[in-house]
Amino acid sequence: MMIKELFVLSLFAVVCVNTMKAQWICETEANHTMFGGDESEKIAYSNASNASAQFKIKEYINQPVLDIEYIPLYLIIEDHNNRGIVAKHDNSVAMMEIWFKIGAEWKIYKQSGNKKEGMVAEYFWPFSSLDRSIYFVSIHGDIGRAFWSDFKQSNSVKIRLKDFDSVQEVKEYEFDMKGSSKAYNYVLGGKIPTWDK
């Protein structure tokens, strides 16, 4: 009887740890300013189920004077060989695709170096440090309403990267989207962006 109870408790612990690992995590992190100080910043992230990668959003930015409004979005890949898909001289990769799964349907958003295919974001900035590759995207304009609505409703997301030099080379990262609405509201900090009005 004791062995059976230990097995059930162990199984429950594994399920709890995996569930916690898959969900979006909301926290505050230090943000180093260019003037040497530290400011705290709200962030939320989900870890990939199939690789050492993170899908991360940061605190909502709204500067009406500069006509800037967006939620910074990052794909961060642990890349100990420093072989991320790198930028060309125009700071873009061949393509980034974000696939949201809503119910049984998949909805795609493309970030492409080819403007004819449609740009999902105004900025796409890949760069590498010693041990990771970071891809930054800011969603602007009319697409924000649909994109963030899909972000909150989706069950999971796949992010695909394709390189200029090898269109056949595709890197794909999958993330669980449980808790994405909570994460979205957390980084907004009670503010209401124009796309939600």
N, C-alpha and C. Protein backbone atom coordinates (compact mmCIF):
# COMPACT_ATOMS: atom_id res chain seq x y z
N MET A 1 0.83 -1.21 0.00
CA MET A 1 0.00 0.00 0.00
C MET A 1 0.86 1.26 0.00
N MET A 2 1.94 1.22 0.77
CA MET A 2 2.83 2.37 0.87
C MET A 2 3.50 2.69 -0.47
N ILE A 3 3.92 1.66 -1.21
CA ILE A 3 4.58 1.85 -2.51
C ILE A 3 3.62 2.50 -3.50
N LYS A 4 2.37 2.05 -3.47
CA LYS A 4 1.36 2.61 -4.38
C LYS A 4 1.14 4.09 -4.08
N GLU A 5 1.07 4.46 -2.81
CA GLU A 5 0.88 5.87 -2.43
C GLU A 5 2.07 6.72 -2.84
N LEU A 6 3.29 6.19 -2.67
CA LEU A 6 4.49 6.91 -3.10
C LEU A 6 4.50 7.13 -4.61
N PHE A 7 4.08 6.10 -5.36
CA PHE A 7 4.03 6.22 -6.81
C PHE A 7 3.05 7.31 -7.23
N VAL A 8 1.87 7.32 -6.62
CA VAL A 8 0.84 8.33 -6.95
C VAL A 8 1.34 9.74 -6.61
N LEU A 9 1.98 9.90 -5.45
CA LEU A 9 2.52 11.21 -5.07
C LEU A 9 3.63 11.65 -6.02
N SER A 10 4.49 10.72 -6.41
CA SER A 10 5.57 11.05 -7.36
C SER A 10 5.00 11.47 -8.70
N LEU A 11 4.01 10.74 -9.17
CA LEU A 11 3.37 11.08 -10.44
C LEU A 11 2.72 12.46 -10.37
N PHE A 12 2.05 12.76 -9.28
CA PHE A 12 1.41 14.06 -9.07
C PHE A 12 2.46 15.18 -9.09
N ALA A 13 3.59 14.96 -8.43
CA ALA A 13 4.67 15.96 -8.39
C ALA A 13 5.23 16.24 -9.78
N VAL A 14 5.42 15.18 -10.57
CA VAL A 14 5.93 15.35 -11.94
C VAL A 14 4.96 16.15 -12.78
N VAL A 15 3.67 15.84 -12.69
CA VAL A 15 2.64 16.57 -13.44
C VAL A 15 2.62 18.04 -13.03
N CYS A 16 2.70 18.32 -11.74
CA CYS A 16 2.70 19.71 -11.25
C CYS A 16 3.91 20.48 -11.76
N VAL A 17 5.09 19.87 -11.72
CA VAL A 17 6.32 20.55 -12.17
C VAL A 17 6.23 20.84 -13.66
N ASN A 18 5.78 19.86 -14.46
CA ASN A 18 5.67 20.06 -15.90
C ASN A 18 4.62 21.11 -16.24
N THR A 19 3.53 21.14 -15.51
CA THR A 19 2.49 22.15 -15.75
C THR A 19 3.01 23.53 -15.43
N MET A 20 3.72 23.67 -14.30
CA MET A 20 4.28 24.97 -13.93
C MET A 20 5.31 25.43 -14.96
N LYS A 21 6.11 24.49 -15.45
CA LYS A 21 7.15 24.82 -16.41
C LYS A 21 6.56 25.31 -17.72
N ALA A 22 5.41 24.77 -18.13
CA ALA A 22 4.82 25.08 -19.42
C ALA A 22 4.07 26.41 -19.43
N GLN A 23 3.58 26.84 -18.31
CA GLN A 23 2.74 28.04 -18.28
C GLN A 23 3.56 29.32 -18.32
N TRP A 24 2.88 30.40 -18.70
CA TRP A 24 3.52 31.71 -18.70
C TRP A 24 3.85 32.12 -17.27
N ILE A 25 5.02 32.68 -17.08
CA ILE A 25 5.48 33.14 -15.78
C ILE A 25 5.59 34.66 -15.83
N CYS A 26 5.02 35.31 -14.83
CA CYS A 26 5.06 36.77 -14.74
C CYS A 26 5.99 37.17 -13.59
N GLU A 27 6.89 38.11 -13.86
CA GLU A 27 7.79 38.59 -12.81
C GLU A 27 8.33 39.97 -13.17
N THR A 28 9.11 40.51 -12.26
CA THR A 28 9.74 41.81 -12.47
C THR A 28 11.25 41.58 -12.56
N GLU A 29 11.89 42.25 -13.53
CA GLU A 29 13.35 42.11 -13.65
C GLU A 29 13.99 43.49 -13.69
N ALA A 30 15.26 43.53 -13.31
CA ALA A 30 16.01 44.79 -13.37
C ALA A 30 16.32 45.11 -14.81
N ASN A 31 16.16 46.38 -15.18
CA ASN A 31 16.47 46.84 -16.52
C ASN A 31 17.53 47.92 -16.39
N HIS A 32 18.71 47.68 -16.94
CA HIS A 32 19.80 48.65 -16.83
C HIS A 32 19.57 49.80 -17.81
N THR A 33 19.55 51.02 -17.30
CA THR A 33 19.32 52.18 -18.15
C THR A 33 20.65 52.69 -18.71
N MET A 34 20.57 53.50 -19.74
CA MET A 34 21.80 54.03 -20.35
C MET A 34 22.47 55.07 -19.47
N PHE A 35 21.79 55.50 -18.40
CA PHE A 35 22.38 56.48 -17.50
C PHE A 35 23.00 55.81 -16.27
N GLY A 36 23.07 54.48 -16.30
CA GLY A 36 23.75 53.77 -15.23
C GLY A 36 22.86 53.27 -14.11
N GLY A 37 21.60 53.63 -14.10
CA GLY A 37 20.71 53.19 -13.03
C GLY A 37 19.98 51.91 -13.40
N ASP A 38 19.24 51.39 -12.45
CA ASP A 38 18.40 50.22 -12.68
C ASP A 38 16.95 50.59 -12.46
N GLU A 39 16.11 50.17 -13.35
CA GLU A 39 14.67 50.32 -13.18
C GLU A 39 14.06 48.93 -13.26
N SER A 40 13.01 48.71 -12.49
CA SER A 40 12.35 47.41 -12.58
C SER A 40 11.36 47.45 -13.74
N GLU A 41 11.17 46.29 -14.36
CA GLU A 41 10.33 46.19 -15.54
C GLU A 41 9.52 44.91 -15.47
N LYS A 42 8.23 44.98 -15.83
CA LYS A 42 7.38 43.79 -15.84
C LYS A 42 7.69 42.97 -17.08
N ILE A 43 7.87 41.66 -16.87
CA ILE A 43 8.08 40.74 -17.99
C ILE A 43 7.23 39.50 -17.78
N ALA A 44 7.00 38.77 -18.87
CA ALA A 44 6.33 37.48 -18.80
C ALA A 44 6.96 36.59 -19.86
N TYR A 45 7.06 35.29 -19.57
CA TYR A 45 7.69 34.39 -20.53
C TYR A 45 7.15 32.98 -20.42
N SER A 46 7.34 32.24 -21.52
CA SER A 46 7.01 30.82 -21.58
C SER A 46 8.23 30.11 -22.16
N ASN A 47 8.58 28.97 -21.58
CA ASN A 47 9.72 28.21 -22.06
C ASN A 47 9.28 27.20 -23.12
N ALA A 48 10.13 26.98 -24.10
CA ALA A 48 9.80 26.06 -25.20
C ALA A 48 9.69 24.63 -24.71
N SER A 49 8.79 23.89 -25.34
CA SER A 49 8.63 22.48 -24.99
C SER A 49 9.62 21.61 -25.73
N ASN A 50 10.21 22.12 -26.82
CA ASN A 50 11.07 21.27 -27.66
C ASN A 50 12.51 21.75 -27.79
N ALA A 51 12.92 22.77 -27.04
CA ALA A 51 14.28 23.30 -27.16
C ALA A 51 14.56 24.23 -25.99
N SER A 52 15.82 24.68 -25.90
CA SER A 52 16.17 25.67 -24.87
C SER A 52 15.92 27.06 -25.44
N ALA A 53 14.66 27.46 -25.39
CA ALA A 53 14.25 28.75 -25.94
C ALA A 53 13.15 29.34 -25.07
N GLN A 54 12.96 30.64 -25.21
CA GLN A 54 11.98 31.37 -24.41
C GLN A 54 11.23 32.37 -25.29
N PHE A 55 9.91 32.43 -25.12
CA PHE A 55 9.05 33.41 -25.77
C PHE A 55 8.72 34.42 -24.69
N LYS A 56 9.12 35.67 -24.88
CA LYS A 56 9.07 36.65 -23.80
C LYS A 56 8.42 37.95 -24.25
N ILE A 57 7.60 38.53 -23.38
CA ILE A 57 7.06 39.87 -23.62
C ILE A 57 7.47 40.76 -22.45
N LYS A 58 7.64 42.05 -22.77
CA LYS A 58 8.05 43.00 -21.73
C LYS A 58 7.00 44.09 -21.57
N GLU A 59 7.23 44.92 -20.58
CA GLU A 59 6.29 45.98 -20.21
C GLU A 59 5.89 46.86 -21.40
N TYR A 60 4.60 47.11 -21.48
CA TYR A 60 3.98 47.93 -22.53
C TYR A 60 4.63 49.31 -22.60
N ILE A 61 4.96 49.75 -23.81
CA ILE A 61 5.58 51.06 -24.03
C ILE A 61 4.60 51.95 -24.78
N ASN A 62 4.32 53.12 -24.21
CA ASN A 62 3.43 54.07 -24.86
C ASN A 62 4.00 55.47 -24.70
N GLN A 63 4.44 56.05 -25.83
CA GLN A 63 4.96 57.41 -25.85
C GLN A 63 4.22 58.17 -26.94
N PRO A 64 3.04 58.74 -26.60
CA PRO A 64 2.20 59.39 -27.62
C PRO A 64 2.91 60.51 -28.39
N VAL A 65 3.82 61.23 -27.73
CA VAL A 65 4.52 62.33 -28.39
C VAL A 65 5.33 61.80 -29.57
N LEU A 66 5.95 60.64 -29.40
CA LEU A 66 6.75 60.03 -30.46
C LEU A 66 5.93 59.07 -31.33
N ASP A 67 4.65 58.94 -31.03
CA ASP A 67 3.76 58.02 -31.73
C ASP A 67 4.29 56.58 -31.67
N ILE A 68 4.69 56.18 -30.46
CA ILE A 68 5.21 54.82 -30.24
C ILE A 68 4.31 54.10 -29.25
N GLU A 69 3.86 52.93 -29.63
CA GLU A 69 3.01 52.11 -28.75
C GLU A 69 3.18 50.65 -29.15
N TYR A 70 3.72 49.85 -28.25
CA TYR A 70 3.86 48.43 -28.52
C TYR A 70 4.24 47.67 -27.26
N ILE A 71 4.13 46.35 -27.35
CA ILE A 71 4.61 45.44 -26.31
C ILE A 71 5.83 44.74 -26.90
N PRO A 72 7.01 44.94 -26.35
CA PRO A 72 8.20 44.28 -26.88
C PRO A 72 8.08 42.76 -26.78
N LEU A 73 8.40 42.09 -27.86
CA LEU A 73 8.26 40.64 -27.94
C LEU A 73 9.62 40.04 -28.35
N TYR A 74 10.04 38.99 -27.66
CA TYR A 74 11.35 38.40 -27.90
C TYR A 74 11.27 36.89 -28.06
N LEU A 75 12.09 36.37 -28.96
CA LEU A 75 12.38 34.94 -28.99
C LEU A 75 13.85 34.84 -28.59
N ILE A 76 14.11 34.15 -27.48
CA ILE A 76 15.47 34.01 -26.96
C ILE A 76 15.85 32.54 -27.02
N ILE A 77 16.93 32.24 -27.73
CA ILE A 77 17.35 30.87 -27.95
C ILE A 77 18.71 30.64 -27.31
N GLU A 78 18.78 29.66 -26.43
CA GLU A 78 20.07 29.26 -25.88
C GLU A 78 20.88 28.68 -27.02
N ASP A 79 22.01 29.26 -27.29
CA ASP A 79 22.75 28.95 -28.50
C ASP A 79 24.24 28.87 -28.17
N HIS A 80 24.63 27.80 -27.50
CA HIS A 80 26.01 27.70 -27.00
C HIS A 80 27.04 27.61 -28.11
N ASN A 81 26.61 27.24 -29.32
CA ASN A 81 27.52 27.24 -30.46
C ASN A 81 27.49 28.57 -31.20
N ASN A 82 26.65 29.49 -30.74
CA ASN A 82 26.51 30.81 -31.35
C ASN A 82 26.21 30.72 -32.84
N ARG A 83 25.30 29.80 -33.20
CA ARG A 83 24.92 29.63 -34.60
C ARG A 83 23.46 29.98 -34.80
N GLY A 84 23.03 31.12 -34.31
CA GLY A 84 21.67 31.56 -34.57
C GLY A 84 21.52 31.93 -36.03
N ILE A 85 20.30 32.09 -36.48
CA ILE A 85 20.08 32.58 -37.84
C ILE A 85 20.40 34.07 -37.82
N VAL A 86 21.43 34.46 -38.53
CA VAL A 86 21.96 35.81 -38.38
C VAL A 86 21.36 36.80 -39.36
N ALA A 87 21.52 38.08 -39.02
CA ALA A 87 20.99 39.15 -39.85
C ALA A 87 21.91 39.42 -41.04
N LYS A 88 21.33 39.89 -42.11
CA LYS A 88 22.10 40.40 -43.24
C LYS A 88 22.33 41.89 -43.00
N HIS A 89 22.90 42.57 -43.98
CA HIS A 89 23.22 43.99 -43.82
C HIS A 89 21.99 44.85 -43.54
N ASP A 90 20.80 44.39 -43.94
CA ASP A 90 19.58 45.18 -43.71
C ASP A 90 18.87 44.77 -42.42
N ASN A 91 19.58 44.04 -41.54
CA ASN A 91 19.03 43.65 -40.23
C ASN A 91 17.76 42.82 -40.31
N SER A 92 17.66 41.94 -41.27
CA SER A 92 16.50 41.06 -41.32
C SER A 92 16.92 39.66 -41.69
N VAL A 93 16.12 38.69 -41.32
CA VAL A 93 16.35 37.33 -41.77
C VAL A 93 15.36 37.09 -42.90
N ALA A 94 15.49 35.96 -43.56
CA ALA A 94 14.59 35.68 -44.68
C ALA A 94 13.14 35.68 -44.22
N MET A 95 12.88 35.04 -43.10
CA MET A 95 11.48 34.99 -42.67
C MET A 95 11.35 34.55 -41.22
N MET A 96 10.40 35.15 -40.55
CA MET A 96 9.98 34.69 -39.23
C MET A 96 8.48 34.49 -39.33
N GLU A 97 8.02 33.34 -38.87
CA GLU A 97 6.59 33.06 -38.85
C GLU A 97 6.16 32.77 -37.42
N ILE A 98 5.03 33.34 -37.03
CA ILE A 98 4.43 33.05 -35.72
C ILE A 98 3.08 32.40 -35.99
N TRP A 99 2.93 31.16 -35.54
CA TRP A 99 1.72 30.38 -35.76
C TRP A 99 0.99 30.21 -34.43
N PHE A 100 -0.19 30.82 -34.29
CA PHE A 100 -1.02 30.64 -33.10
C PHE A 100 -2.04 29.54 -33.36
N LYS A 101 -2.16 28.60 -32.43
CA LYS A 101 -3.19 27.57 -32.54
C LYS A 101 -4.36 27.99 -31.67
N ILE A 102 -5.50 28.23 -32.31
CA ILE A 102 -6.72 28.64 -31.60
C ILE A 102 -7.76 27.57 -31.86
N GLY A 103 -8.10 26.79 -30.83
CA GLY A 103 -8.96 25.62 -31.03
C GLY A 103 -8.20 24.62 -31.88
N ALA A 104 -8.78 24.24 -33.02
CA ALA A 104 -8.12 23.31 -33.93
C ALA A 104 -7.46 24.04 -35.11
N GLU A 105 -7.65 25.34 -35.20
CA GLU A 105 -7.15 26.13 -36.34
C GLU A 105 -5.80 26.77 -36.03
N TRP A 106 -4.99 26.94 -37.08
CA TRP A 106 -3.71 27.65 -36.97
C TRP A 106 -3.82 28.99 -37.69
N LYS A 107 -3.34 30.05 -37.05
CA LYS A 107 -3.34 31.38 -37.68
C LYS A 107 -1.89 31.86 -37.76
N ILE A 108 -1.48 32.31 -38.94
CA ILE A 108 -0.08 32.66 -39.16
C ILE A 108 0.13 34.17 -39.28
N TYR A 109 1.22 34.63 -38.71
CA TYR A 109 1.72 36.00 -38.89
C TYR A 109 3.14 35.87 -39.42
N LYS A 110 3.44 36.59 -40.51
CA LYS A 110 4.77 36.49 -41.12
C LYS A 110 5.55 37.78 -40.94
N GLN A 111 6.83 37.60 -40.66
CA GLN A 111 7.80 38.71 -40.69
C GLN A 111 8.77 38.32 -41.78
N SER A 112 8.81 39.07 -42.84
CA SER A 112 9.64 38.67 -43.96
C SER A 112 10.54 39.79 -44.43
N GLY A 113 11.71 39.43 -44.95
CA GLY A 113 12.59 40.40 -45.58
C GLY A 113 12.03 40.86 -46.91
N ASN A 114 11.07 40.12 -47.44
CA ASN A 114 10.42 40.48 -48.69
C ASN A 114 9.14 41.24 -48.39
N LYS A 115 9.13 42.54 -48.61
CA LYS A 115 7.98 43.37 -48.23
C LYS A 115 6.71 42.97 -48.96
N LYS A 116 6.83 42.33 -50.13
CA LYS A 116 5.64 41.91 -50.87
C LYS A 116 4.85 40.85 -50.11
N GLU A 117 5.53 40.12 -49.24
CA GLU A 117 4.85 39.08 -48.47
C GLU A 117 4.13 39.66 -47.25
N GLY A 118 4.36 40.93 -46.96
CA GLY A 118 3.68 41.57 -45.85
C GLY A 118 4.49 41.53 -44.57
N MET A 119 4.59 42.66 -43.93
CA MET A 119 5.36 42.76 -42.70
C MET A 119 4.41 42.71 -41.52
N VAL A 120 4.69 41.85 -40.58
CA VAL A 120 3.88 41.79 -39.37
C VAL A 120 4.40 42.78 -38.34
N ALA A 121 5.65 43.18 -38.46
CA ALA A 121 6.25 44.04 -37.45
C ALA A 121 7.08 45.13 -38.11
N GLU A 122 7.20 46.22 -37.42
CA GLU A 122 7.99 47.32 -37.95
C GLU A 122 9.48 47.06 -37.77
N TYR A 123 9.83 46.38 -36.69
CA TYR A 123 11.24 46.08 -36.42
C TYR A 123 11.42 44.59 -36.22
N PHE A 124 12.50 44.08 -36.77
CA PHE A 124 12.89 42.71 -36.49
C PHE A 124 14.40 42.75 -36.32
N TRP A 125 14.87 42.50 -35.13
CA TRP A 125 16.27 42.75 -34.80
C TRP A 125 16.90 41.52 -34.17
N PRO A 126 17.59 40.68 -34.97
CA PRO A 126 18.27 39.54 -34.38
C PRO A 126 19.70 39.89 -33.98
N PHE A 127 20.15 39.41 -32.85
CA PHE A 127 21.55 39.58 -32.47
C PHE A 127 21.96 38.44 -31.55
N SER A 128 23.25 38.23 -31.42
CA SER A 128 23.76 37.12 -30.61
C SER A 128 24.71 37.63 -29.55
N SER A 129 24.67 37.00 -28.39
CA SER A 129 25.66 37.25 -27.35
C SER A 129 26.53 35.98 -27.31
N LEU A 130 27.26 35.79 -26.24
CA LEU A 130 28.14 34.63 -26.15
C LEU A 130 27.39 33.30 -26.17
N ASP A 131 26.22 33.28 -25.57
CA ASP A 131 25.55 31.98 -25.42
C ASP A 131 24.08 31.96 -25.84
N ARG A 132 23.62 33.00 -26.52
CA ARG A 132 22.22 32.98 -26.95
C ARG A 132 21.99 33.89 -28.13
N SER A 133 20.94 33.58 -28.87
CA SER A 133 20.49 34.43 -29.98
C SER A 133 19.16 35.04 -29.58
N ILE A 134 18.99 36.33 -29.85
CA ILE A 134 17.79 37.05 -29.43
C ILE A 134 17.16 37.70 -30.66
N TYR A 135 15.87 37.48 -30.83
CA TYR A 135 15.12 38.06 -31.95
C TYR A 135 14.04 38.96 -31.35
N PHE A 136 14.10 40.23 -31.66
CA PHE A 136 13.17 41.22 -31.11
C PHE A 136 12.17 41.64 -32.18
N VAL A 137 10.90 41.68 -31.81
CA VAL A 137 9.85 42.11 -32.74
C VAL A 137 8.93 43.08 -32.01
N SER A 138 8.55 44.15 -32.68
CA SER A 138 7.51 45.03 -32.13
C SER A 138 6.37 45.07 -33.13
N ILE A 139 5.18 44.74 -32.66
CA ILE A 139 3.99 44.70 -33.52
C ILE A 139 3.36 46.09 -33.49
N HIS A 140 3.19 46.69 -34.66
CA HIS A 140 2.67 48.05 -34.74
C HIS A 140 1.40 48.10 -35.59
N GLY A 141 0.70 49.21 -35.46
CA GLY A 141 -0.40 49.53 -36.36
C GLY A 141 -1.61 48.64 -36.21
N ASP A 142 -2.36 48.52 -37.33
CA ASP A 142 -3.64 47.82 -37.32
C ASP A 142 -3.52 46.35 -36.96
N ILE A 143 -2.36 45.76 -37.22
CA ILE A 143 -2.20 44.33 -36.96
C ILE A 143 -2.21 44.01 -35.47
N GLY A 144 -1.93 45.02 -34.63
CA GLY A 144 -1.87 44.81 -33.18
C GLY A 144 -3.14 44.23 -32.60
N ARG A 145 -4.29 44.73 -33.04
CA ARG A 145 -5.57 44.24 -32.51
C ARG A 145 -5.73 42.74 -32.74
N ALA A 146 -5.53 42.28 -33.96
CA ALA A 146 -5.69 40.86 -34.28
C ALA A 146 -4.59 40.02 -33.63
N PHE A 147 -3.35 40.50 -33.69
CA PHE A 147 -2.22 39.73 -33.16
C PHE A 147 -2.38 39.47 -31.67
N TRP A 148 -2.65 40.52 -30.88
CA TRP A 148 -2.73 40.33 -29.42
C TRP A 148 -4.00 39.60 -29.01
N SER A 149 -5.06 39.71 -29.80
CA SER A 149 -6.26 38.92 -29.54
C SER A 149 -5.95 37.44 -29.73
N ASP A 150 -5.25 37.11 -30.81
CA ASP A 150 -4.86 35.72 -31.05
C ASP A 150 -3.87 35.23 -30.00
N PHE A 151 -2.96 36.08 -29.58
CA PHE A 151 -2.00 35.75 -28.53
C PHE A 151 -2.74 35.29 -27.27
N LYS A 152 -3.79 36.03 -26.88
CA LYS A 152 -4.52 35.71 -25.65
C LYS A 152 -5.39 34.47 -25.78
N GLN A 153 -5.90 34.19 -26.99
CA GLN A 153 -6.83 33.07 -27.18
C GLN A 153 -6.16 31.74 -27.49
N SER A 154 -4.90 31.78 -27.89
CA SER A 154 -4.27 30.57 -28.43
C SER A 154 -3.93 29.54 -27.35
N ASN A 155 -3.93 28.28 -27.77
CA ASN A 155 -3.55 27.16 -26.90
C ASN A 155 -2.03 26.96 -26.92
N SER A 156 -1.46 27.17 -28.11
CA SER A 156 -0.01 27.01 -28.27
C SER A 156 0.45 27.90 -29.42
N VAL A 157 1.77 28.06 -29.52
CA VAL A 157 2.35 28.86 -30.60
C VAL A 157 3.60 28.17 -31.10
N LYS A 158 3.81 28.25 -32.41
CA LYS A 158 5.05 27.79 -33.03
C LYS A 158 5.70 29.00 -33.66
N ILE A 159 7.00 29.17 -33.43
CA ILE A 159 7.75 30.25 -34.07
C ILE A 159 8.79 29.60 -34.96
N ARG A 160 8.76 29.97 -36.25
CA ARG A 160 9.68 29.40 -37.23
C ARG A 160 10.60 30.48 -37.77
N LEU A 161 11.88 30.15 -37.91
CA LEU A 161 12.87 31.04 -38.50
C LEU A 161 13.46 30.37 -39.72
N LYS A 162 13.62 31.15 -40.81
CA LYS A 162 14.29 30.65 -42.02
C LYS A 162 15.43 31.60 -42.35
N ASP A 163 16.52 31.04 -42.80
CA ASP A 163 17.72 31.82 -43.12
C ASP A 163 17.73 32.25 -44.59
N PHE A 164 18.35 33.40 -44.87
CA PHE A 164 18.50 33.87 -46.24
C PHE A 164 19.27 32.87 -47.10
N ASP A 165 20.40 32.38 -46.58
CA ASP A 165 21.29 31.56 -47.38
C ASP A 165 20.77 30.15 -47.62
N SER A 166 19.91 29.70 -46.73
CA SER A 166 19.38 28.34 -46.87
C SER A 166 17.90 28.35 -46.51
N VAL A 167 17.07 28.59 -47.52
CA VAL A 167 15.62 28.66 -47.29
C VAL A 167 15.11 27.32 -46.76
N GLN A 168 15.85 26.24 -47.06
CA GLN A 168 15.45 24.92 -46.57
C GLN A 168 15.66 24.79 -45.06
N GLU A 169 16.62 25.57 -44.52
CA GLU A 169 16.91 25.45 -43.09
C GLU A 169 15.84 26.20 -42.29
N VAL A 170 15.07 25.45 -41.55
CA VAL A 170 14.00 26.03 -40.73
C VAL A 170 14.25 25.63 -39.28
N LYS A 171 14.22 26.60 -38.39
CA LYS A 171 14.30 26.30 -36.96
C LYS A 171 12.92 26.61 -36.38
N GLU A 172 12.38 25.66 -35.62
CA GLU A 172 11.02 25.81 -35.10
C GLU A 172 11.02 25.62 -33.59
N TYR A 173 10.28 26.49 -32.90
CA TYR A 173 10.19 26.46 -31.44
C TYR A 173 8.72 26.48 -31.06
N GLU A 174 8.34 25.61 -30.13
CA GLU A 174 6.94 25.50 -29.69
C GLU A 174 6.80 25.95 -28.24
N PHE A 175 5.71 26.68 -27.97
CA PHE A 175 5.46 27.19 -26.63
C PHE A 175 4.00 26.95 -26.25
N ASP A 176 3.79 26.57 -24.99
CA ASP A 176 2.45 26.44 -24.44
C ASP A 176 1.95 27.84 -24.12
N MET A 177 0.70 28.12 -24.43
CA MET A 177 0.17 29.47 -24.22
C MET A 177 -0.79 29.55 -23.03
N LYS A 178 -0.80 28.53 -22.16
CA LYS A 178 -1.63 28.61 -20.95
C LYS A 178 -1.17 29.82 -20.12
N GLY A 179 -2.10 30.66 -19.73
CA GLY A 179 -1.77 31.83 -18.93
C GLY A 179 -1.34 33.04 -19.75
N SER A 180 -1.51 32.98 -21.08
CA SER A 180 -1.07 34.10 -21.92
C SER A 180 -1.91 35.36 -21.70
N SER A 181 -3.20 35.22 -21.40
CA SER A 181 -4.04 36.40 -21.10
C SER A 181 -3.55 37.10 -19.83
N LYS A 182 -3.23 36.30 -18.82
CA LYS A 182 -2.70 36.85 -17.57
C LYS A 182 -1.37 37.57 -17.83
N ALA A 183 -0.50 36.96 -18.65
CA ALA A 183 0.79 37.56 -18.98
C ALA A 183 0.60 38.87 -19.71
N TYR A 184 -0.32 38.89 -20.67
CA TYR A 184 -0.63 40.10 -21.45
C TYR A 184 -1.10 41.23 -20.53
N ASN A 185 -2.05 40.92 -19.65
CA ASN A 185 -2.57 41.94 -18.71
C ASN A 185 -1.49 42.40 -17.74
N TYR A 186 -0.61 41.49 -17.36
CA TYR A 186 0.46 41.84 -16.42
C TYR A 186 1.40 42.89 -17.02
N VAL A 187 1.84 42.68 -18.27
CA VAL A 187 2.78 43.63 -18.86
C VAL A 187 2.10 44.95 -19.22
N LEU A 188 0.77 44.94 -19.38
CA LEU A 188 0.05 46.20 -19.62
C LEU A 188 0.00 47.06 -18.36
N GLY A 189 0.01 46.43 -17.19
CA GLY A 189 0.00 47.16 -15.93
C GLY A 189 -1.19 48.09 -15.74
N GLY A 190 -2.37 47.65 -16.19
CA GLY A 190 -3.59 48.44 -16.02
C GLY A 190 -3.84 49.47 -17.11
N LYS A 191 -2.90 49.63 -18.04
CA LYS A 191 -3.08 50.58 -19.14
C LYS A 191 -3.88 49.94 -20.26
N ILE A 192 -4.52 50.77 -21.07
CA ILE A 192 -5.32 50.24 -22.17
C ILE A 192 -4.73 50.76 -23.48
N PRO A 193 -4.12 49.86 -24.29
CA PRO A 193 -3.56 50.30 -25.56
C PRO A 193 -4.65 50.63 -26.56
N THR A 194 -4.32 51.41 -27.59
CA THR A 194 -5.34 51.81 -28.57
C THR A 194 -5.96 50.63 -29.27
N TRP A 195 -5.20 49.53 -29.46
CA TRP A 195 -5.78 48.39 -30.16
C TRP A 195 -6.83 47.65 -29.32
N ASP A 196 -6.91 47.92 -28.00
CA ASP A 196 -7.94 47.32 -27.15
C ASP A 196 -9.12 48.26 -26.91
N LYS A 197 -9.07 49.45 -27.49
CA LYS A 197 -10.16 50.42 -27.26
C LYS A 197 -11.26 50.26 -28.30
